[in-house]
Amino acid sequence: MGRPVRIEYPGALYHVVSRGNEKKEIFLSDEDRTKFLNILRDYHERYGILVHAYVKRGRLYLKDAFNNG
């Protein structure tokens, strides 16, 4: 069974979590970490998403982002 549809509205705060498959690392190098930050910047510029906070760990990342819509 899939997850429920995400409710979206302007000003909403979303807590995003992503983990590596089979508890494997998702950031293997500093280059991977830099690319991740560039993707966050691109999402901000493209969609107006404001990243409030983030944590990068080897096997997961967490972030809180506002929909500035």
Protein backbone atom coordinates (compact mmCIF):
# COMPACT_ATOMS: atom_id res chain seq x y z
CA MET A 1 0.00 0.00 0.00
CA GLY A 2 1.37 3.43 -0.95
CA ARG A 3 1.58 6.40 1.33
CA PRO A 4 -1.25 8.96 1.48
CA VAL A 5 -1.14 11.90 -0.92
CA ARG A 6 0.95 14.77 0.44
CA ILE A 7 -1.11 17.81 1.32
CA GLU A 8 0.49 20.89 -0.23
CA TYR A 9 -0.20 24.54 0.52
CA PRO A 10 1.82 27.78 0.55
CA GLY A 11 3.94 28.14 3.67
CA ALA A 12 3.83 24.41 4.49
CA LEU A 13 6.82 22.85 6.28
CA TYR A 14 7.96 19.44 5.05
CA HIS A 15 10.32 17.13 6.92
CA VAL A 16 12.19 15.04 4.33
CA VAL A 17 14.20 11.90 5.13
CA SER A 18 16.10 9.72 2.70
CA ARG A 19 18.17 6.66 3.54
CA GLY A 20 20.53 4.55 1.47
CA ASN A 21 19.32 1.17 0.26
CA GLU A 22 20.29 -1.67 2.60
CA LYS A 23 21.80 0.93 4.99
CA LYS A 24 24.51 1.71 2.42
CA GLU A 25 26.26 5.06 2.25
CA ILE A 26 24.65 7.69 0.00
CA PHE A 27 27.50 10.19 0.22
CA LEU A 28 30.68 8.42 -0.83
CA SER A 29 32.91 11.47 -1.25
CA ASP A 30 33.12 15.22 -0.74
CA GLU A 31 32.12 15.55 -4.39
CA ASP A 32 28.83 13.76 -3.61
CA ARG A 33 28.19 16.12 -0.69
CA THR A 34 28.90 19.18 -2.85
CA LYS A 35 26.60 17.91 -5.58
CA PHE A 36 23.82 17.45 -3.00
CA LEU A 37 24.21 21.06 -1.85
CA ASN A 38 24.12 22.25 -5.47
CA ILE A 39 20.85 20.33 -5.98
CA LEU A 40 19.34 22.04 -2.91
CA ARG A 41 20.42 25.43 -4.29
CA ASP A 42 18.91 24.59 -7.68
CA TYR A 43 15.59 23.63 -6.05
CA HIS A 44 15.57 26.93 -4.21
CA GLU A 45 16.24 28.92 -7.38
CA ARG A 46 13.87 26.90 -9.55
CA TYR A 47 10.92 26.30 -7.20
CA GLY A 48 11.37 28.85 -4.40
CA ILE A 49 11.82 26.13 -1.79
CA LEU A 50 13.43 27.49 1.37
CA VAL A 51 15.58 24.95 3.17
CA HIS A 52 15.37 25.72 6.88
CA ALA A 53 17.84 23.10 8.08
CA TYR A 54 19.54 19.95 6.87
CA VAL A 55 21.76 17.18 8.18
CA LYS A 56 23.97 15.09 5.92
CA ARG A 57 25.18 11.78 7.24
CA GLY A 58 26.84 8.97 5.35
CA ARG A 59 23.70 6.86 5.13
CA LEU A 60 20.91 9.42 5.28
CA TYR A 61 19.93 13.03 5.04
CA LEU A 62 17.21 14.99 6.76
CA LYS A 63 15.90 18.38 5.83
CA ASP A 64 13.13 20.73 6.76
CA ALA A 65 11.92 22.82 3.85
CA PHE A 66 9.24 25.45 3.43
CA ASN A 67 7.00 25.64 0.38
CA ASN A 68 7.26 29.33 -0.40
CA GLY A 69 4.56 28.93 -3.09
